[in-house]
Amino acid sequence: MAWPTSGSNSTYILSEQHNQFVVTGYNVQGMLLGDSGNIITGCSSFCSIRDTWINPMYLDPNHENDGMLPMAVHVAERGWFHSIATHMLDNSARNSVLQTAVPVVLEWAVASTRIVPPGMTFPDGSSGSNSSCPIDAARSACRSSHSICHNVIDNYRTGYVCRCKDGYDDNPYLDGGGGCQDINECALSVKCFCVCTNTAGSYDCRCPRGARGNPYIADSCIKSSLGLSVDIGVGSWAGLLVLAVGAA
C-alpha cells in the first residue's frame, strides 16, 4: 500500500494483504494517498435514515444522524472492524472502543528500495532503485543452510526476504543451531493413520509390516495374507528337503 509515516526511507510498509482501509460515520468519504499524491484506495460511508430496504438510497442530507457513529478513518488489520462493529453502536462501550489501539500489520524486506516510474522522483529527491536476491549466496542475509531467498516486488518496493525451506521452520537469518529447524511432522496433526517416521525436511507414512493399503486414509491399512503364504511355502519346502535327505 503506502509507505508509513515513519519516513519515506523506512524498511517497513503497510501490508496490503493483511490490512484494510476502514471509514466509520455518517456521510463520510476517505481516501488513502501515496507519496506522490496518487490515490491508493478510497471508501465512503452513507447510511439510510430509515434503516429499511424500502428506500435504501434515501440518505441523510441534513446530517441529522451525525455523531451516532464515531467519524474516523483507519488503516487496520483485516477482521478488526468486524470484531468491534457492534460495540461501536453501544453507547456504553463506545468510548472504550475508541480508546483501544488499532492493530496494523507491517511488512519488511532486506535491501528494501522504492520503485519509481521513469522520469519521476520522490519528494525527498530520491529516484529509487531495484534490489533482489544477491547472485552471490554468501552476500545474502539468508544464513541458515535450510533457508531460501525470496524476491519481493510490488507496486511500491523491491527487495528480498529469507524463508525456511519446506519441512523446516524458525529463523532463516541465523546460522548454526539457531537457524531453520526440522519440523517433526509426526508430532503434528498430519494425516498419517499408520506408521509415521520423521525425516529431514519431511516424513514417511507407511502401513505396518504385513499390511497393505493407503496409510493416509483411516482404517485403510489391511493385513495381507501374502506374508503368511510365503512363510508357509518356505516351511513346506524345508520339510520336503528334510524328508528327501532322510529318504536318501
Protein backbone atom coordinates (compact mmCIF):
# COMPACT_ATOMS: atom_id res chain seq x y z
CA MET A 1 0.00 0.00 0.00
CA ALA A 2 1.77 3.18 1.13
CA TRP A 3 4.96 3.92 2.98
CA PRO A 4 4.22 4.55 6.66
CA THR A 5 4.55 7.96 8.24
CA SER A 6 7.75 6.90 9.99
CA GLY A 7 9.63 8.09 6.90
CA SER A 8 9.85 7.53 3.18
CA ASN A 9 13.09 5.59 3.58
CA SER A 10 11.61 3.18 6.10
CA THR A 11 12.17 -0.54 5.58
CA TYR A 12 8.62 -1.24 6.77
CA ILE A 13 5.46 -0.76 4.73
CA LEU A 14 1.79 -1.38 5.42
CA SER A 15 0.74 -4.86 4.35
CA GLU A 16 -1.77 -4.69 1.52
CA GLN A 17 -2.80 -8.29 2.04
CA HIS A 18 -3.36 -8.19 5.81
CA ASN A 19 -4.74 -4.65 6.27
CA GLN A 20 -7.83 -2.83 5.07
CA PHE A 21 -8.97 0.80 4.82
CA VAL A 22 -11.83 1.47 7.26
CA VAL A 23 -14.11 4.53 7.33
CA THR A 24 -16.80 4.92 10.00
CA GLY A 25 -19.54 7.53 10.50
CA TYR A 26 -22.41 9.03 8.51
CA ASN A 27 -21.83 10.75 5.17
CA VAL A 28 -18.07 10.28 5.35
CA GLN A 29 -15.66 9.74 2.50
CA GLY A 30 -11.97 8.98 2.97
CA MET A 31 -9.05 8.39 0.63
CA LEU A 32 -5.59 6.92 1.15
CA LEU A 33 -2.88 8.73 -0.80
CA GLY A 34 0.61 7.64 -1.76
CA ASP A 35 3.85 9.64 -1.51
CA SER A 36 3.34 11.17 -4.94
CA GLY A 37 -0.29 12.09 -4.21
CA ASN A 38 -1.69 9.13 -6.11
CA ILE A 39 -4.93 7.63 -4.84
CA ILE A 40 -4.33 4.16 -3.45
CA THR A 41 -7.85 3.41 -2.27
CA GLY A 42 -10.98 5.13 -1.01
CA CYS A 43 -14.07 4.34 0.99
CA SER A 44 -17.41 6.03 1.69
CA SER A 45 -19.93 5.53 4.48
CA PHE A 46 -23.52 6.58 3.73
CA CYS A 47 -26.48 5.29 5.71
CA SER A 48 -30.23 5.46 5.25
CA ILE A 49 -32.32 7.39 7.79
CA ARG A 50 -34.91 4.64 7.79
CA ASP A 51 -32.92 1.54 8.38
CA THR A 52 -35.13 -0.40 5.95
CA TRP A 53 -34.95 -1.86 2.46
CA ILE A 54 -37.87 0.29 1.25
CA ASN A 55 -35.71 3.21 0.21
CA PRO A 56 -32.08 2.29 0.90
CA MET A 57 -30.71 5.19 -1.23
CA TYR A 58 -32.51 7.85 0.86
CA LEU A 59 -29.53 9.43 2.60
CA ASP A 60 -29.13 11.99 5.36
CA PRO A 61 -28.52 15.33 3.58
CA ASN A 62 -29.17 17.38 6.73
CA HIS A 63 -26.66 15.39 8.80
CA GLU A 64 -29.29 14.64 11.41
CA ASN A 65 -27.54 11.42 12.40
CA ASP A 66 -24.04 12.83 12.74
CA GLY A 67 -22.46 11.67 15.98
CA MET A 68 -24.40 8.42 16.21
CA LEU A 69 -21.27 6.69 14.96
CA PRO A 70 -17.72 7.93 15.55
CA MET A 71 -16.32 9.62 12.47
CA ALA A 72 -12.92 8.03 11.92
CA VAL A 73 -10.55 6.73 9.25
CA HIS A 74 -8.24 3.81 9.97
CA VAL A 75 -5.80 1.51 8.27
CA ALA A 76 -6.36 -1.62 10.35
CA GLU A 77 -5.70 -5.33 10.32
CA ARG A 78 -8.34 -7.27 8.41
CA GLY A 79 -11.05 -8.52 10.74
CA TRP A 80 -10.51 -5.80 13.35
CA PHE A 81 -13.56 -3.76 12.34
CA HIS A 82 -15.89 -6.76 12.38
CA SER A 83 -14.77 -7.56 15.93
CA ILE A 84 -15.69 -4.10 17.29
CA ALA A 85 -18.53 -3.02 14.95
CA THR A 86 -21.35 -3.99 17.32
CA HIS A 87 -19.61 -2.26 20.26
CA MET A 88 -19.44 1.00 18.29
CA LEU A 89 -23.25 1.08 18.26
CA ASP A 90 -23.37 0.55 22.02
CA ASN A 91 -23.23 3.93 23.77
CA SER A 92 -21.91 2.41 26.98
CA ALA A 93 -18.99 0.68 25.26
CA ARG A 94 -18.25 3.19 22.50
CA ASN A 95 -15.71 5.27 24.44
CA SER A 96 -13.65 2.25 25.44
CA VAL A 97 -13.63 1.05 21.82
CA LEU A 98 -12.41 4.42 20.56
CA GLN A 99 -9.57 4.40 23.10
CA THR A 100 -8.40 0.93 22.07
CA ALA A 101 -5.30 0.77 19.89
CA VAL A 102 -5.92 -0.26 16.28
CA PRO A 103 -3.75 -3.20 15.13
CA VAL A 104 -1.80 -2.74 11.89
CA VAL A 105 0.32 -5.34 10.08
CA LEU A 106 3.66 -4.19 8.67
CA GLU A 107 5.81 -5.96 6.09
CA TRP A 108 9.51 -5.54 5.53
CA ALA A 109 12.25 -6.68 3.17
CA VAL A 110 16.04 -6.87 3.16
CA ALA A 111 17.66 -4.21 0.95
CA SER A 112 14.24 -2.65 0.51
CA THR A 113 14.16 0.16 -2.05
CA ARG A 114 11.28 2.07 -3.55
CA ILE A 115 10.13 1.72 -7.13
CA VAL A 116 9.69 4.95 -9.05
CA PRO A 117 8.17 5.26 -12.53
CA PRO A 118 10.62 6.53 -15.16
CA GLY A 119 11.05 10.29 -15.04
CA MET A 120 9.61 10.66 -11.52
CA THR A 121 11.24 11.28 -8.16
CA PHE A 122 10.09 11.14 -4.57
CA PRO A 123 9.54 14.30 -2.51
CA ASP A 124 12.94 13.76 -0.87
CA GLY A 125 14.61 13.83 -4.30
CA SER A 126 15.46 10.11 -4.46
CA SER A 127 14.66 8.09 -7.54
CA GLY A 128 14.66 4.62 -6.03
CA SER A 129 16.31 1.53 -7.43
CA ASN A 130 15.84 -2.19 -7.85
CA SER A 131 17.07 -4.83 -5.45
CA SER A 132 16.64 -8.59 -5.33
CA CYS A 133 18.28 -11.78 -4.07
CA PRO A 134 22.08 -11.47 -4.42
CA ILE A 135 23.62 -13.65 -7.10
CA ASP A 136 26.39 -14.49 -4.66
CA ALA A 137 24.67 -16.54 -1.94
CA ALA A 138 27.40 -15.58 0.54
CA ARG A 139 26.21 -11.96 0.40
CA SER A 140 22.62 -12.92 1.20
CA ALA A 141 21.16 -12.37 4.65
CA CYS A 142 19.80 -15.94 4.50
CA ARG A 143 22.31 -17.62 6.81
CA SER A 144 20.65 -20.92 7.62
CA SER A 145 21.68 -23.87 5.46
CA HIS A 146 18.00 -24.76 5.15
CA SER A 147 16.83 -21.30 4.04
CA ILE A 148 15.99 -19.82 0.63
CA CYS A 149 15.93 -16.26 -0.69
CA HIS A 150 12.60 -14.93 -2.00
CA ASN A 151 12.31 -11.79 -4.14
CA VAL A 152 9.78 -9.18 -3.02
CA ILE A 153 8.41 -6.96 -5.79
CA ASP A 154 5.18 -4.96 -5.64
CA ASN A 155 3.94 -1.57 -6.76
CA TYR A 156 5.94 0.32 -4.15
CA ARG A 157 9.15 -1.50 -3.34
CA THR A 158 11.59 -4.21 -4.26
CA GLY A 159 13.90 -6.31 -2.10
CA TYR A 160 14.02 -9.82 -0.72
CA VAL A 161 13.16 -11.88 2.36
CA CYS A 162 14.51 -15.16 3.67
CA ARG A 163 12.30 -18.17 4.27
CA CYS A 164 12.88 -21.64 5.62
CA LYS A 165 12.63 -24.49 3.13
CA ASP A 166 9.60 -26.76 3.16
CA GLY A 167 9.75 -29.04 6.17
CA TYR A 168 11.74 -26.52 8.23
CA ASP A 169 10.75 -23.62 10.46
CA ASP A 170 12.34 -20.97 12.70
CA ASN A 171 14.75 -18.14 11.88
CA PRO A 172 16.29 -18.25 8.36
CA TYR A 173 18.54 -15.29 9.19
CA LEU A 174 20.59 -17.25 11.75
CA ASP A 175 23.16 -19.94 11.05
CA GLY A 176 24.06 -22.96 13.13
CA GLY A 177 21.61 -24.29 15.69
CA GLY A 178 19.59 -21.09 15.77
CA GLY A 179 18.53 -21.24 12.12
CA CYS A 180 15.81 -23.21 10.36
CA GLN A 181 14.94 -26.34 12.32
CA ASP A 182 13.46 -29.56 11.02
CA ILE A 183 9.71 -29.86 11.65
CA ASN A 184 8.62 -33.12 13.26
CA GLU A 185 5.53 -33.66 11.15
CA CYS A 186 4.69 -36.84 13.02
CA ALA A 187 4.19 -34.81 16.20
CA LEU A 188 1.75 -32.56 14.35
CA SER A 189 -1.72 -33.40 13.09
CA VAL A 190 -0.55 -34.80 9.75
CA LYS A 191 -2.92 -37.18 8.02
CA CYS A 192 -0.95 -40.35 8.64
CA PHE A 193 -3.13 -43.04 10.19
CA CYS A 194 -0.47 -45.76 10.40
CA VAL A 195 3.30 -45.76 11.00
CA CYS A 196 4.76 -42.23 10.77
CA THR A 197 8.53 -41.69 10.67
CA ASN A 198 10.03 -38.22 10.74
CA THR A 199 12.77 -37.50 8.18
CA ALA A 200 14.93 -34.46 7.43
CA GLY A 201 12.57 -31.89 5.96
CA SER A 202 9.73 -34.36 5.50
CA TYR A 203 8.18 -37.53 6.92
CA ASP A 204 7.40 -41.09 5.85
CA CYS A 205 3.96 -42.66 6.28
CA ARG A 206 3.54 -46.41 5.76
CA CYS A 207 1.27 -49.26 6.63
CA PRO A 208 2.52 -51.62 9.37
CA ARG A 209 4.60 -54.65 8.38
CA GLY A 210 2.39 -57.29 6.86
CA ALA A 211 -0.37 -54.84 5.86
CA ARG A 212 -1.24 -53.04 2.63
CA GLY A 213 -3.38 -50.04 1.76
CA ASN A 214 -3.32 -46.25 1.85
CA PRO A 215 -1.82 -45.07 5.17
CA TYR A 216 -3.19 -41.56 4.58
CA ILE A 217 -6.78 -42.84 4.87
CA ALA A 218 -8.19 -44.03 8.20
CA ASP A 219 -8.71 -47.80 8.51
CA SER A 220 -7.24 -48.32 5.04
CA CYS A 221 -4.26 -50.50 6.01
CA ILE A 222 -5.40 -54.14 5.93
CA LYS A 223 -3.33 -57.14 6.96
CA SER A 224 -2.19 -59.10 3.94
CA SER A 225 -2.17 -62.89 3.60
CA LEU A 226 0.86 -62.68 1.30
CA GLY A 227 3.38 -62.84 4.15
CA LEU A 228 1.64 -65.89 5.68
CA SER A 229 1.66 -67.70 2.33
CA VAL A 230 5.36 -67.08 1.91
CA ASP A 231 6.10 -68.33 5.42
CA ILE A 232 4.03 -71.49 4.85
CA GLY A 233 5.65 -72.03 1.47
CA VAL A 234 9.15 -71.74 2.86
CA GLY A 235 8.28 -74.02 5.74
CA SER A 236 6.83 -76.65 3.39
CA TRP A 237 9.91 -76.70 1.17
CA ALA A 238 12.09 -77.01 4.25
CA GLY A 239 10.03 -80.01 5.40
CA LEU A 240 10.26 -81.67 1.99
CA LEU A 241 14.04 -81.14 2.00
CA VAL A 242 14.37 -82.89 5.36
CA LEU A 243 12.20 -85.78 4.13
CA ALA A 244 14.28 -86.07 0.96
CA VAL A 245 17.53 -86.17 2.89
CA GLY A 246 16.07 -88.76 5.26
CA ALA A 247 14.91 -90.92 2.38
CA ALA A 248 18.35 -90.75 0.74
